[in-house]
């Protein structure tokens, strides 16, 4: 049987795509290419995986409001990135979770979208 083998991309609407792309480039290092998005190339030397996971419609995990999706980015140094983001005035959730799956933190982008940052375990 033919099947899905991975995540091909994340596509969403934005009030100002160019400004939002510039914000993600400045604060998260996602340099948009000429076509407007960023490409991630899998790297065997960095741990991690990609999940697909539906949540209940009334989940509080995505933060307050009607946000219907949440992007999770793998990061190389969660503490350093959160400090860098706080220093730049980005809305950073004070909570950081740690489990056998790694460490997790959350931020909010300029359009109000809650973003999860994940540092996989070593």
PDB file of N, CA and C in Angstrom:
ATOM      1  N   UNK A   1       0.838  -1.182   0.000  1.00  0.00           N
ATOM      2  CA  UNK A   1       0.000   0.000   0.000  1.00  0.00           C
ATOM      3  C   UNK A   1       0.887   1.252   0.000  1.00  0.00           C
ATOM      4  N   UNK A   2       0.540   2.229  -0.798  1.00  0.00           N
ATOM      5  CA  UNK A   2       1.232   3.520  -0.784  1.00  0.00           C
ATOM      6  C   UNK A   2       0.912   4.213   0.530  1.00  0.00           C
ATOM      7  N   UNK A   3       1.860   5.017   1.047  1.00  0.00           N
ATOM      8  CA  UNK A   3       1.641   5.670   2.337  1.00  0.00           C
ATOM      9  C   UNK A   3       2.409   6.977   2.421  1.00  0.00           C
ATOM     10  N   UNK A   4       2.072   7.774   3.381  1.00  0.00           N
ATOM     11  CA  UNK A   4       2.787   9.012   3.671  1.00  0.00           C
ATOM     12  C   UNK A   4       4.114   8.645   4.324  1.00  0.00           C
ATOM     13  N   UNK A   5       5.187   9.331   3.946  1.00  0.00           N
ATOM     14  CA  UNK A   5       6.498   9.010   4.499  1.00  0.00           C
ATOM     15  C   UNK A   5       7.111  10.163   5.299  1.00  0.00           C
ATOM     16  N   UNK A   6       6.421  11.273   5.408  1.00  0.00           N
ATOM     17  CA  UNK A   6       6.951  12.384   6.188  1.00  0.00           C
ATOM     18  C   UNK A   6       6.152  13.642   5.971  1.00  0.00           C
ATOM     19  N   UNK A   7       6.533  14.681   6.665  1.00  0.00           N
ATOM     20  CA  UNK A   7       5.878  15.975   6.545  1.00  0.00           C
ATOM     21  C   UNK A   7       6.510  16.744   5.397  1.00  0.00           C
ATOM     22  N   UNK A   8       5.718  17.181   4.469  1.00  0.00           N
ATOM     23  CA  UNK A   8       6.231  17.901   3.307  1.00  0.00           C
ATOM     24  C   UNK A   8       6.285  19.402   3.491  1.00  0.00           C
ATOM     25  N   UNK A   9       5.527  19.940   4.425  1.00  0.00           N
ATOM     26  CA  UNK A   9       5.552  21.373   4.641  1.00  0.00           C
ATOM     27  C   UNK A   9       4.449  21.828   5.574  1.00  0.00           C
ATOM     28  N   UNK A  10       4.567  23.046   6.006  1.00  0.00           N
ATOM     29  CA  UNK A  10       3.552  23.684   6.838  1.00  0.00           C
ATOM     30  C   UNK A  10       3.140  24.942   6.095  1.00  0.00           C
ATOM     31  N   UNK A  11       1.879  25.051   5.773  1.00  0.00           N
ATOM     32  CA  UNK A  11       1.370  26.173   4.995  1.00  0.00           C
ATOM     33  C   UNK A  11       0.233  26.825   5.770  1.00  0.00           C
ATOM     34  N   UNK A  12       0.245  28.140   5.870  1.00  0.00           N
ATOM     35  CA  UNK A  12      -0.784  28.835   6.635  1.00  0.00           C
ATOM     36  C   UNK A  12      -0.950  30.247   6.109  1.00  0.00           C
ATOM     37  N   UNK A  13      -2.092  30.838   6.436  1.00  0.00           N
ATOM     38  CA  UNK A  13      -2.380  32.212   6.019  1.00  0.00           C
ATOM     39  C   UNK A  13      -1.705  33.197   6.966  1.00  0.00           C
ATOM     40  N   UNK A  14      -1.358  34.370   6.430  1.00  0.00           N
ATOM     41  CA  UNK A  14      -0.738  35.421   7.227  1.00  0.00           C
ATOM     42  C   UNK A  14      -1.258  36.765   6.753  1.00  0.00           C
ATOM     43  N   UNK A  15      -1.432  37.698   7.683  1.00  0.00           N
ATOM     44  CA  UNK A  15      -1.868  39.048   7.300  1.00  0.00           C
ATOM     45  C   UNK A  15      -0.797  39.758   6.480  1.00  0.00           C
ATOM     46  N   UNK A  16       0.489  39.491   6.790  1.00  0.00           N
ATOM     47  CA  UNK A  16       1.599  40.134   6.091  1.00  0.00           C
ATOM     48  C   UNK A  16       2.742  39.119   5.966  1.00  0.00           C
ATOM     49  N   UNK A  17       2.696  38.249   4.940  1.00  0.00           N
ATOM     50  CA  UNK A  17       3.680  37.177   4.813  1.00  0.00           C
ATOM     51  C   UNK A  17       5.130  37.652   4.828  1.00  0.00           C
ATOM     52  N   UNK A  18       5.446  38.741   4.163  1.00  0.00           N
ATOM     53  CA  UNK A  18       6.831  39.217   4.120  1.00  0.00           C
ATOM     54  C   UNK A  18       7.311  39.657   5.495  1.00  0.00           C
ATOM     55  N   UNK A  19       6.476  40.400   6.222  1.00  0.00           N
ATOM     56  CA  UNK A  19       6.852  40.854   7.567  1.00  0.00           C
ATOM     57  C   UNK A  19       6.982  39.672   8.520  1.00  0.00           C
ATOM     58  N   UNK A  20       6.074  38.702   8.422  1.00  0.00           N
ATOM     59  CA  UNK A  20       6.141  37.539   9.298  1.00  0.00           C
ATOM     60  C   UNK A  20       7.380  36.695   8.980  1.00  0.00           C
ATOM     61  N   UNK A  21       7.701  36.537   7.703  1.00  0.00           N
ATOM     62  CA  UNK A  21       8.917  35.809   7.317  1.00  0.00           C
ATOM     63  C   UNK A  21      10.156  36.513   7.861  1.00  0.00           C
ATOM     64  N   UNK A  22      10.169  37.831   7.821  1.00  0.00           N
ATOM     65  CA  UNK A  22      11.307  38.591   8.349  1.00  0.00           C
ATOM     66  C   UNK A  22      11.424  38.402   9.864  1.00  0.00           C
ATOM     67  N   UNK A  23      10.296  38.362  10.582  1.00  0.00           N
ATOM     68  CA  UNK A  23      10.314  38.144  12.028  1.00  0.00           C
ATOM     69  C   UNK A  23      10.891  36.759  12.354  1.00  0.00           C
ATOM     70  N   UNK A  24      10.442  35.731  11.642  1.00  0.00           N
ATOM     71  CA  UNK A  24      10.955  34.374  11.873  1.00  0.00           C
ATOM     72  C   UNK A  24      12.438  34.281  11.519  1.00  0.00           C
ATOM     73  N   UNK A  25      12.878  34.974  10.505  1.00  0.00           N
ATOM     74  CA  UNK A  25      14.307  34.981  10.152  1.00  0.00           C
ATOM     75  C   UNK A  25      15.116  35.640  11.256  1.00  0.00           C
ATOM     76  N   UNK A  26      14.648  36.785  11.740  1.00  0.00           N
ATOM     77  CA  UNK A  26      15.382  37.533  12.765  1.00  0.00           C
ATOM     78  C   UNK A  26      15.450  36.782  14.093  1.00  0.00           C
ATOM     79  N   UNK A  27      14.324  36.222  14.530  1.00  0.00           N
ATOM     80  CA  UNK A  27      14.259  35.657  15.870  1.00  0.00           C
ATOM     81  C   UNK A  27      14.499  34.155  15.956  1.00  0.00           C
ATOM     82  N   UNK A  28      14.208  33.417  14.885  1.00  0.00           N
ATOM     83  CA  UNK A  28      14.355  31.964  14.937  1.00  0.00           C
ATOM     84  C   UNK A  28      15.332  31.423  13.898  1.00  0.00           C
ATOM     85  N   UNK A  29      15.929  32.315  13.105  1.00  0.00           N
ATOM     86  CA  UNK A  29      16.918  31.874  12.128  1.00  0.00           C
ATOM     87  C   UNK A  29      16.342  31.150  10.929  1.00  0.00           C
ATOM     88  N   UNK A  30      15.055  31.325  10.652  1.00  0.00           N
ATOM     89  CA  UNK A  30      14.427  30.696   9.485  1.00  0.00           C
ATOM     90  C   UNK A  30      14.553  31.644   8.299  1.00  0.00           C
ATOM     91  N   UNK A  31      15.622  31.514   7.567  1.00  0.00           N
ATOM     92  CA  UNK A  31      15.849  32.406   6.437  1.00  0.00           C
ATOM     93  C   UNK A  31      14.993  31.986   5.251  1.00  0.00           C
ATOM     94  N   UNK A  32      14.049  32.846   4.894  1.00  0.00           N
ATOM     95  CA  UNK A  32      13.157  32.567   3.780  1.00  0.00           C
ATOM     96  C   UNK A  32      13.934  32.630   2.465  1.00  0.00           C
ATOM     97  N   UNK A  33      13.641  31.679   1.608  1.00  0.00           N
ATOM     98  CA  UNK A  33      14.242  31.669   0.285  1.00  0.00           C
ATOM     99  C   UNK A  33      13.441  32.589  -0.637  1.00  0.00           C
ATOM    100  N   UNK A  34      13.890  32.732  -1.855  1.00  0.00           N
ATOM    101  CA  UNK A  34      13.265  33.645  -2.815  1.00  0.00           C
ATOM    102  C   UNK A  34      11.767  33.385  -2.980  1.00  0.00           C
ATOM    103  N   UNK A  35      11.348  32.142  -2.870  1.00  0.00           N
ATOM    104  CA  UNK A  35       9.944  31.781  -3.056  1.00  0.00           C
ATOM    105  C   UNK A  35       9.094  32.074  -1.819  1.00  0.00           C
ATOM    106  N   UNK A  36       9.723  32.504  -0.685  1.00  0.00           N
ATOM    107  CA  UNK A  36       8.976  32.969   0.469  1.00  0.00           C
ATOM    108  C   UNK A  36       8.973  32.061   1.682  1.00  0.00           C
ATOM    109  N   UNK A  37       9.521  30.867   1.580  1.00  0.00           N
ATOM    110  CA  UNK A  37       9.523  29.941   2.716  1.00  0.00           C
ATOM    111  C   UNK A  37      10.918  29.449   3.037  1.00  0.00           C
ATOM    112  N   UNK A  38      11.028  28.666   4.095  1.00  0.00           N
ATOM    113  CA  UNK A  38      12.317  28.104   4.515  1.00  0.00           C
ATOM    114  C   UNK A  38      12.294  26.591   4.291  1.00  0.00           C
ATOM    115  N   UNK A  39      13.434  26.058   3.946  1.00  0.00           N
ATOM    116  CA  UNK A  39      13.566  24.621   3.688  1.00  0.00           C
ATOM    117  C   UNK A  39      14.423  24.008   4.798  1.00  0.00           C
ATOM    118  N   UNK A  40      13.947  22.899   5.362  1.00  0.00           N
ATOM    119  CA  UNK A  40      14.709  22.160   6.370  1.00  0.00           C
ATOM    120  C   UNK A  40      15.246  20.892   5.711  1.00  0.00           C
ATOM    121  N   UNK A  41      16.526  20.665   5.839  1.00  0.00           N
ATOM    122  CA  UNK A  41      17.139  19.454   5.312  1.00  0.00           C
ATOM    123  C   UNK A  41      17.472  18.566   6.498  1.00  0.00           C
ATOM    124  N   UNK A  42      16.988  17.334   6.470  1.00  0.00           N
ATOM    125  CA  UNK A  42      17.242  16.413   7.578  1.00  0.00           C
ATOM    126  C   UNK A  42      18.735  16.203   7.745  1.00  0.00           C
ATOM    127  N   UNK A  43      19.160  16.083   8.977  1.00  0.00           N
ATOM    128  CA  UNK A  43      20.568  15.956   9.309  1.00  0.00           C
ATOM    129  C   UNK A  43      20.718  14.815  10.308  1.00  0.00           C
ATOM    130  N   UNK A  44      21.413  13.767   9.927  1.00  0.00           N
ATOM    131  CA  UNK A  44      21.567  12.603  10.796  1.00  0.00           C
ATOM    132  C   UNK A  44      22.299  12.930  12.087  1.00  0.00           C
ATOM    133  N   UNK A  45      23.024  14.025  12.133  1.00  0.00           N
ATOM    134  CA  UNK A  45      23.795  14.359  13.326  1.00  0.00           C
ATOM    135  C   UNK A  45      22.983  15.136  14.355  1.00  0.00           C
ATOM    136  N   UNK A  46      21.765  15.505  14.026  1.00  0.00           N
ATOM    137  CA  UNK A  46      20.896  16.193  14.982  1.00  0.00           C
ATOM    138  C   UNK A  46      19.725  15.279  15.295  1.00  0.00           C
ATOM    139  N   UNK A  47      19.510  14.982  16.575  1.00  0.00           N
ATOM    140  CA  UNK A  47      18.411  14.088  16.923  1.00  0.00           C
ATOM    141  C   UNK A  47      17.062  14.754  16.695  1.00  0.00           C
ATOM    142  N   UNK A  48      16.041  13.944  16.619  1.00  0.00           N
ATOM    143  CA  UNK A  48      14.693  14.466  16.498  1.00  0.00           C
ATOM    144  C   UNK A  48      13.891  13.724  15.451  1.00  0.00           C
ATOM    145  N   UNK A  49      12.649  14.049  15.392  1.00  0.00           N
ATOM    146  CA  UNK A  49      11.724  13.443  14.455  1.00  0.00           C
ATOM    147  C   UNK A  49      10.579  14.414  14.234  1.00  0.00           C
ATOM    148  N   UNK A  50       9.710  14.121  13.294  1.00  0.00           N
ATOM    149  CA  UNK A  50       8.564  14.971  13.008  1.00  0.00           C
ATOM    150  C   UNK A  50       7.297  14.227  13.384  1.00  0.00           C
ATOM    151  N   UNK A  51       6.396  14.895  14.072  1.00  0.00           N
ATOM    152  CA  UNK A  51       5.140  14.289  14.499  1.00  0.00           C
ATOM    153  C   UNK A  51       3.969  14.826  13.703  1.00  0.00           C
ATOM    154  N   UNK A  52       2.945  14.023  13.594  1.00  0.00           N
ATOM    155  CA  UNK A  52       1.627  14.432  13.113  1.00  0.00           C
ATOM    156  C   UNK A  52       0.679  14.009  14.203  1.00  0.00           C
ATOM    157  N   UNK A  53      -0.079  14.958  14.796  1.00  0.00           N
ATOM    158  CA  UNK A  53      -0.878  14.618  15.958  1.00  0.00           C
ATOM    159  C   UNK A  53      -2.107  15.510  16.080  1.00  0.00           C
ATOM    160  N   UNK A  54      -3.301  14.985  15.798  1.00  0.00           N
ATOM    161  CA  UNK A  54      -4.516  15.756  16.035  1.00  0.00           C
ATOM    162  C   UNK A  54      -4.763  15.921  17.536  1.00  0.00           C
ATOM    163  N   UNK A  55      -5.257  17.058  17.939  1.00  0.00           N
ATOM    164  CA  UNK A  55      -5.621  17.331  19.328  1.00  0.00           C
ATOM    165  C   UNK A  55      -7.124  17.556  19.402  1.00  0.00           C
ATOM    166  N   UNK A  56      -7.686  17.403  20.584  1.00  0.00           N
ATOM    167  CA  UNK A  56      -9.114  17.683  20.784  1.00  0.00           C
ATOM    168  C   UNK A  56      -9.396  19.147  20.473  1.00  0.00           C
ATOM    169  N   UNK A  57     -10.580  19.428  19.983  1.00  0.00           N
ATOM    170  CA  UNK A  57     -10.954  20.795  19.595  1.00  0.00           C
ATOM    171  C   UNK A  57     -10.875  21.768  20.764  1.00  0.00           C
ATOM    172  N   UNK A  58     -11.042  21.288  21.990  1.00  0.00           N
ATOM    173  CA  UNK A  58     -11.030  22.180  23.151  1.00  0.00           C
ATOM    174  C   UNK A  58      -9.700  22.150  23.906  1.00  0.00           C
ATOM    175  N   UNK A  59      -8.619  21.698  23.260  1.00  0.00           N
ATOM    176  CA  UNK A  59      -7.330  21.630  23.942  1.00  0.00           C
ATOM    177  C   UNK A  59      -6.851  23.001  24.400  1.00  0.00           C
ATOM    178  N   UNK A  60      -6.231  23.044  25.552  1.00  0.00           N
ATOM    179  CA  UNK A  60      -5.611  24.274  26.027  1.00  0.00           C
ATOM    180  C   UNK A  60      -4.128  24.316  25.680  1.00  0.00           C
ATOM    181  N   UNK A  61      -3.624  23.250  25.088  1.00  0.00           N
ATOM    182  CA  UNK A  61      -2.191  23.140  24.805  1.00  0.00           C
ATOM    183  C   UNK A  61      -1.697  24.193  23.825  1.00  0.00           C
ATOM    184  N   UNK A  62      -2.571  24.655  22.932  1.00  0.00           N
ATOM    185  CA  UNK A  62      -2.178  25.655  21.934  1.00  0.00           C
ATOM    186  C   UNK A  62      -2.268  27.074  22.478  1.00  0.00           C
ATOM    187  N   UNK A  63      -2.561  27.216  23.755  1.00  0.00           N
ATOM    188  CA  UNK A  63      -2.710  28.535  24.337  1.00  0.00           C
ATOM    189  C   UNK A  63      -4.140  29.016  24.234  1.00  0.00           C
ATOM    190  N   UNK A  64      -4.391  30.241  24.723  1.00  0.00           N
ATOM    191  CA  UNK A  64      -5.750  30.776  24.683  1.00  0.00           C
ATOM    192  C   UNK A  64      -6.142  31.162  23.251  1.00  0.00           C
ATOM    193  N   UNK A  65      -7.402  31.226  23.009  1.00  0.00           N
ATOM    194  CA  UNK A  65      -7.871  31.675  21.701  1.00  0.00           C
ATOM    195  C   UNK A  65      -8.255  30.521  20.806  1.00  0.00           C
ATOM    196  N   UNK A  66      -8.510  30.862  19.559  1.00  0.00           N
ATOM    197  CA  UNK A  66      -9.056  29.906  18.604  1.00  0.00           C
ATOM    198  C   UNK A  66      -8.001  29.329  17.667  1.00  0.00           C
ATOM    199  N   UNK A  67      -6.736  29.406  18.019  1.00  0.00           N
ATOM    200  CA  UNK A  67      -5.674  28.879  17.162  1.00  0.00           C
ATOM    201  C   UNK A  67      -5.943  27.403  16.866  1.00  0.00           C
ATOM    202  N   UNK A  68      -5.968  27.044  15.578  1.00  0.00           N
ATOM    203  CA  UNK A  68      -6.321  25.674  15.209  1.00  0.00           C
ATOM    204  C   UNK A  68      -5.106  24.800  14.916  1.00  0.00           C
ATOM    205  N   UNK A  69      -3.919  25.348  15.011  1.00  0.00           N
ATOM    206  CA  UNK A  69      -2.710  24.556  14.787  1.00  0.00           C
ATOM    207  C   UNK A  69      -1.590  25.125  15.656  1.00  0.00           C
ATOM    208  N   UNK A  70      -0.551  24.337  15.858  1.00  0.00           N
ATOM    209  CA  UNK A  70       0.646  24.833  16.531  1.00  0.00           C
ATOM    210  C   UNK A  70       1.852  24.210  15.842  1.00  0.00           C
ATOM    211  N   UNK A  71       2.815  25.037  15.515  1.00  0.00           N
ATOM    212  CA  UNK A  71       4.054  24.570  14.906  1.00  0.00           C
ATOM    213  C   UNK A  71       5.045  24.269  16.022  1.00  0.00           C
ATOM    214  N   UNK A  72       5.755  23.168  15.897  1.00  0.00           N
ATOM    215  CA  UNK A  72       6.806  22.777  16.830  1.00  0.00           C
ATOM    216  C   UNK A  72       8.110  22.804  16.052  1.00  0.00           C
ATOM    217  N   UNK A  73       9.058  23.629  16.505  1.00  0.00           N
ATOM    218  CA  UNK A  73      10.375  23.695  15.864  1.00  0.00           C
ATOM    219  C   UNK A  73      11.405  23.014  16.761  1.00  0.00           C
ATOM    220  N   UNK A  74      12.243  22.155  16.172  1.00  0.00           N
ATOM    221  CA  UNK A  74      13.393  21.597  16.891  1.00  0.00           C
ATOM    222  C   UNK A  74      14.435  22.693  17.005  1.00  0.00           C
ATOM    223  N   UNK A  75      15.053  22.806  18.171  1.00  0.00           N
ATOM    224  CA  UNK A  75      16.073  23.834  18.397  1.00  0.00           C
ATOM    225  C   UNK A  75      17.330  23.183  18.967  1.00  0.00           C
ATOM    226  N   UNK A  76      18.462  23.857  18.805  1.00  0.00           N
ATOM    227  CA  UNK A  76      19.723  23.281  19.265  1.00  0.00           C
ATOM    228  C   UNK A  76      20.047  23.625  20.707  1.00  0.00           C
ATOM    229  N   UNK A  77      19.538  24.744  21.234  1.00  0.00           N
ATOM    230  CA  UNK A  77      19.832  25.161  22.609  1.00  0.00           C
ATOM    231  C   UNK A  77      18.647  25.973  23.111  1.00  0.00           C
ATOM    232  N   UNK A  78      17.712  25.293  23.758  1.00  0.00           N
ATOM    233  CA  UNK A  78      16.462  25.934  24.171  1.00  0.00           C
ATOM    234  C   UNK A  78      16.708  27.105  25.109  1.00  0.00           C
ATOM    235  N   UNK A  79      17.534  26.917  26.137  1.00  0.00           N
ATOM    236  CA  UNK A  79      17.755  27.999  27.110  1.00  0.00           C
ATOM    237  C   UNK A  79      18.339  29.240  26.448  1.00  0.00           C
ATOM    238  N   UNK A  80      19.345  29.052  25.601  1.00  0.00           N
ATOM    239  CA  UNK A  80      19.971  30.192  24.930  1.00  0.00           C
ATOM    240  C   UNK A  80      18.980  30.886  24.004  1.00  0.00           C
ATOM    241  N   UNK A  81      18.184  30.112  23.270  1.00  0.00           N
ATOM    242  CA  UNK A  81      17.216  30.722  22.355  1.00  0.00           C
ATOM    243  C   UNK A  81      16.143  31.487  23.122  1.00  0.00           C
ATOM    244  N   UNK A  82      15.633  30.919  24.213  1.00  0.00           N
ATOM    245  CA  UNK A  82      14.609  31.621  24.992  1.00  0.00           C
ATOM    246  C   UNK A  82      15.161  32.919  25.573  1.00  0.00           C
ATOM    247  N   UNK A  83      16.398  32.894  26.060  1.00  0.00           N
ATOM    248  CA  UNK A  83      17.020  34.119  26.581  1.00  0.00           C
ATOM    249  C   UNK A  83      17.179  35.155  25.477  1.00  0.00           C
ATOM    250  N   UNK A  84      17.614  34.700  24.324  1.00  0.00           N
ATOM    251  CA  UNK A  84      17.782  35.594  23.165  1.00  0.00           C
ATOM    252  C   UNK A  84      16.441  36.218  22.774  1.00  0.00           C
ATOM    253  N   UNK A  85      15.387  35.413  22.768  1.00  0.00           N
ATOM    254  CA  UNK A  85      14.066  35.902  22.393  1.00  0.00           C
ATOM    255  C   UNK A  85      13.516  36.884  23.431  1.00  0.00           C
ATOM    256  N   UNK A  86      13.709  36.578  24.713  1.00  0.00           N
ATOM    257  CA  UNK A  86      13.277  37.506  25.763  1.00  0.00           C
ATOM    258  C   UNK A  86      13.988  38.849  25.605  1.00  0.00           C
ATOM    259  N   UNK A  87      15.299  38.791  25.333  1.00  0.00           N
ATOM    260  CA  UNK A  87      16.083  40.005  25.153  1.00  0.00           C
ATOM    261  C   UNK A  87      15.619  40.837  23.973  1.00  0.00           C
ATOM    262  N   UNK A  88      15.006  40.179  22.988  1.00  0.00           N
ATOM    263  CA  UNK A  88      14.516  40.876  21.805  1.00  0.00           C
ATOM    264  C   UNK A  88      13.061  41.323  21.969  1.00  0.00           C
ATOM    265  N   UNK A  89      12.476  41.084  23.145  1.00  0.00           N
ATOM    266  CA  UNK A  89      11.107  41.521  23.382  1.00  0.00           C
ATOM    267  C   UNK A  89      10.035  40.585  22.862  1.00  0.00           C
ATOM    268  N   UNK A  90      10.399  39.358  22.491  1.00  0.00           N
ATOM    269  CA  UNK A  90       9.420  38.376  22.017  1.00  0.00           C
ATOM    270  C   UNK A  90       8.633  37.857  23.217  1.00  0.00           C
ATOM    271  N   UNK A  91       7.346  37.601  23.025  1.00  0.00           N
ATOM    272  CA  UNK A  91       6.503  37.041  24.080  1.00  0.00           C
ATOM    273  C   UNK A  91       6.906  35.589  24.314  1.00  0.00           C
ATOM    274  N   UNK A  92       7.522  35.320  25.478  1.00  0.00           N
ATOM    275  CA  UNK A  92       8.013  33.986  25.826  1.00  0.00           C
ATOM    276  C   UNK A  92       7.253  33.495  27.048  1.00  0.00           C
ATOM    277  N   UNK A  93       6.693  32.302  26.969  1.00  0.00           N
ATOM    278  CA  UNK A  93       6.026  31.674  28.105  1.00  0.00           C
ATOM    279  C   UNK A  93       7.096  31.361  29.156  1.00  0.00           C
ATOM    280  N   UNK A  94       6.827  31.638  30.416  1.00  0.00           N
ATOM    281  CA  UNK A  94       7.800  31.383  31.486  1.00  0.00           C
ATOM    282  C   UNK A  94       8.011  29.894  31.731  1.00  0.00           C
ATOM    283  N   UNK A  95       7.020  29.095  31.372  1.00  0.00           N
ATOM    284  CA  UNK A  95       7.082  27.657  31.626  1.00  0.00           C
ATOM    285  C   UNK A  95       8.029  26.967  30.650  1.00  0.00           C
ATOM    286  N   UNK A  96       8.867  26.071  31.157  1.00  0.00           N
ATOM    287  CA  UNK A  96       9.691  25.179  30.343  1.00  0.00           C
ATOM    288  C   UNK A  96       9.452  23.779  30.878  1.00  0.00           C
ATOM    289  N   UNK A  97       9.070  22.854  30.008  1.00  0.00           N
ATOM    290  CA  UNK A  97       8.814  21.476  30.426  1.00  0.00           C
ATOM    291  C   UNK A  97       9.963  20.580  30.023  1.00  0.00           C
ATOM    292  N   UNK A  98      10.230  19.576  30.862  1.00  0.00           N
ATOM    293  CA  UNK A  98      11.255  18.595  30.555  1.00  0.00           C
ATOM    294  C   UNK A  98      10.659  17.212  30.777  1.00  0.00           C
ATOM    295  N   UNK A  99      10.945  16.305  29.832  1.00  0.00           N
ATOM    296  CA  UNK A  99      10.468  14.926  29.950  1.00  0.00           C
ATOM    297  C   UNK A  99      11.467  14.022  29.230  1.00  0.00           C
ATOM    298  N   UNK A 100      11.130  12.756  29.153  1.00  0.00           N
ATOM    299  CA  UNK A 100      12.001  11.832  28.418  1.00  0.00           C
ATOM    300  C   UNK A 100      12.066  12.174  26.931  1.00  0.00           C
ATOM    301  N   UNK A 101      11.155  13.008  26.449  1.00  0.00           N
ATOM    302  CA  UNK A 101      11.126  13.402  25.043  1.00  0.00           C
ATOM    303  C   UNK A 101      11.984  14.634  24.762  1.00  0.00           C
ATOM    304  N   UNK A 102      12.488  15.285  25.811  1.00  0.00           N
ATOM    305  CA  UNK A 102      13.310  16.477  25.644  1.00  0.00           C
ATOM    306  C   UNK A 102      12.769  17.638  26.452  1.00  0.00           C
ATOM    307  N   UNK A 103      13.149  18.836  26.038  1.00  0.00           N
ATOM    308  CA  UNK A 103      12.746  20.060  26.724  1.00  0.00           C
ATOM    309  C   UNK A 103      11.893  20.907  25.781  1.00  0.00           C
ATOM    310  N   UNK A 104      10.877  21.562  26.341  1.00  0.00           N
ATOM    311  CA  UNK A 104       9.916  22.315  25.549  1.00  0.00           C
ATOM    312  C   UNK A 104       9.717  23.710  26.124  1.00  0.00           C
ATOM    313  N   UNK A 105       9.633  24.702  25.240  1.00  0.00           N
ATOM    314  CA  UNK A 105       9.292  26.066  25.593  1.00  0.00           C
ATOM    315  C   UNK A 105       8.334  26.617  24.560  1.00  0.00           C
ATOM    316  N   UNK A 106       7.725  27.764  24.861  1.00  0.00           N
ATOM    317  CA  UNK A 106       6.719  28.319  23.958  1.00  0.00           C
ATOM    318  C   UNK A 106       6.894  29.819  23.807  1.00  0.00           C
ATOM    319  N   UNK A 107       6.617  30.300  22.609  1.00  0.00           N
ATOM    320  CA  UNK A 107       6.641  31.729  22.310  1.00  0.00           C
ATOM    321  C   UNK A 107       5.382  32.066  21.519  1.00  0.00           C
ATOM    322  N   UNK A 108       5.155  33.361  21.319  1.00  0.00           N
ATOM    323  CA  UNK A 108       4.034  33.811  20.492  1.00  0.00           C
ATOM    324  C   UNK A 108       4.587  34.746  19.431  1.00  0.00           C
ATOM    325  N   UNK A 109       4.233  34.495  18.165  1.00  0.00           N
ATOM    326  CA  UNK A 109       4.729  35.343  17.073  1.00  0.00           C
ATOM    327  C   UNK A 109       3.897  36.626  16.990  1.00  0.00           C
ATOM    328  N   UNK A 110       4.280  37.580  16.128  1.00  0.00           N
ATOM    329  CA  UNK A 110       3.583  38.867  16.072  1.00  0.00           C
ATOM    330  C   UNK A 110       2.122  38.788  15.636  1.00  0.00           C
ATOM    331  N   UNK A 111       1.713  37.669  15.035  1.00  0.00           N
ATOM    332  CA  UNK A 111       0.316  37.520  14.639  1.00  0.00           C
ATOM    333  C   UNK A 111      -0.489  36.749  15.680  1.00  0.00           C
ATOM    334  N   UNK A 112       0.128  36.478  16.844  1.00  0.00           N
ATOM    335  CA  UNK A 112      -0.579  35.827  17.933  1.00  0.00           C
ATOM    336  C   UNK A 112      -0.540  34.312  17.898  1.00  0.00           C
ATOM    337  N   UNK A 113       0.285  33.722  17.064  1.00  0.00           N
ATOM    338  CA  UNK A 113       0.369  32.270  16.947  1.00  0.00           C
ATOM    339  C   UNK A 113       1.341  31.718  17.991  1.00  0.00           C
ATOM    340  N   UNK A 114       0.871  30.786  18.779  1.00  0.00           N
ATOM    341  CA  UNK A 114       1.718  30.128  19.776  1.00  0.00           C
ATOM    342  C   UNK A 114       2.598  29.106  19.059  1.00  0.00           C
ATOM    343  N   UNK A 115       3.895  29.136  19.348  1.00  0.00           N
ATOM    344  CA  UNK A 115       4.898  28.269  18.721  1.00  0.00           C
ATOM    345  C   UNK A 115       5.573  27.465  19.820  1.00  0.00           C
ATOM    346  N   UNK A 116       5.729  26.175  19.589  1.00  0.00           N
ATOM    347  CA  UNK A 116       6.442  25.322  20.536  1.00  0.00           C
ATOM    348  C   UNK A 116       7.869  25.124  20.071  1.00  0.00           C
ATOM    349  N   UNK A 117       8.824  25.264  20.994  1.00  0.00           N
ATOM    350  CA  UNK A 117      10.240  25.052  20.702  1.00  0.00           C
ATOM    351  C   UNK A 117      10.667  23.796  21.447  1.00  0.00           C
ATOM    352  N   UNK A 118      11.343  22.878  20.739  1.00  0.00           N
ATOM    353  CA  UNK A 118      11.671  21.565  21.296  1.00  0.00           C
ATOM    354  C   UNK A 118      13.145  21.278  21.132  1.00  0.00           C
ATOM    355  N   UNK A 119      13.811  21.024  22.241  1.00  0.00           N
ATOM    356  CA  UNK A 119      15.191  20.542  22.212  1.00  0.00           C
ATOM    357  C   UNK A 119      15.144  19.052  22.518  1.00  0.00           C
ATOM    358  N   UNK A 120      15.378  18.195  21.507  1.00  0.00           N
ATOM    359  CA  UNK A 120      15.332  16.751  21.737  1.00  0.00           C
ATOM    360  C   UNK A 120      16.382  16.329  22.759  1.00  0.00           C
ATOM    361  N   UNK A 121      16.166  15.178  23.413  1.00  0.00           N
ATOM    362  CA  UNK A 121      17.181  14.682  24.345  1.00  0.00           C
ATOM    363  C   UNK A 121      18.450  14.317  23.589  1.00  0.00           C
ATOM    364  N   UNK A 122      19.578  14.362  24.303  1.00  0.00           N
ATOM    365  CA  UNK A 122      20.870  14.038  23.675  1.00  0.00           C
ATOM    366  C   UNK A 122      20.898  12.604  23.207  1.00  0.00           C
TER     367      UNK A 122
END
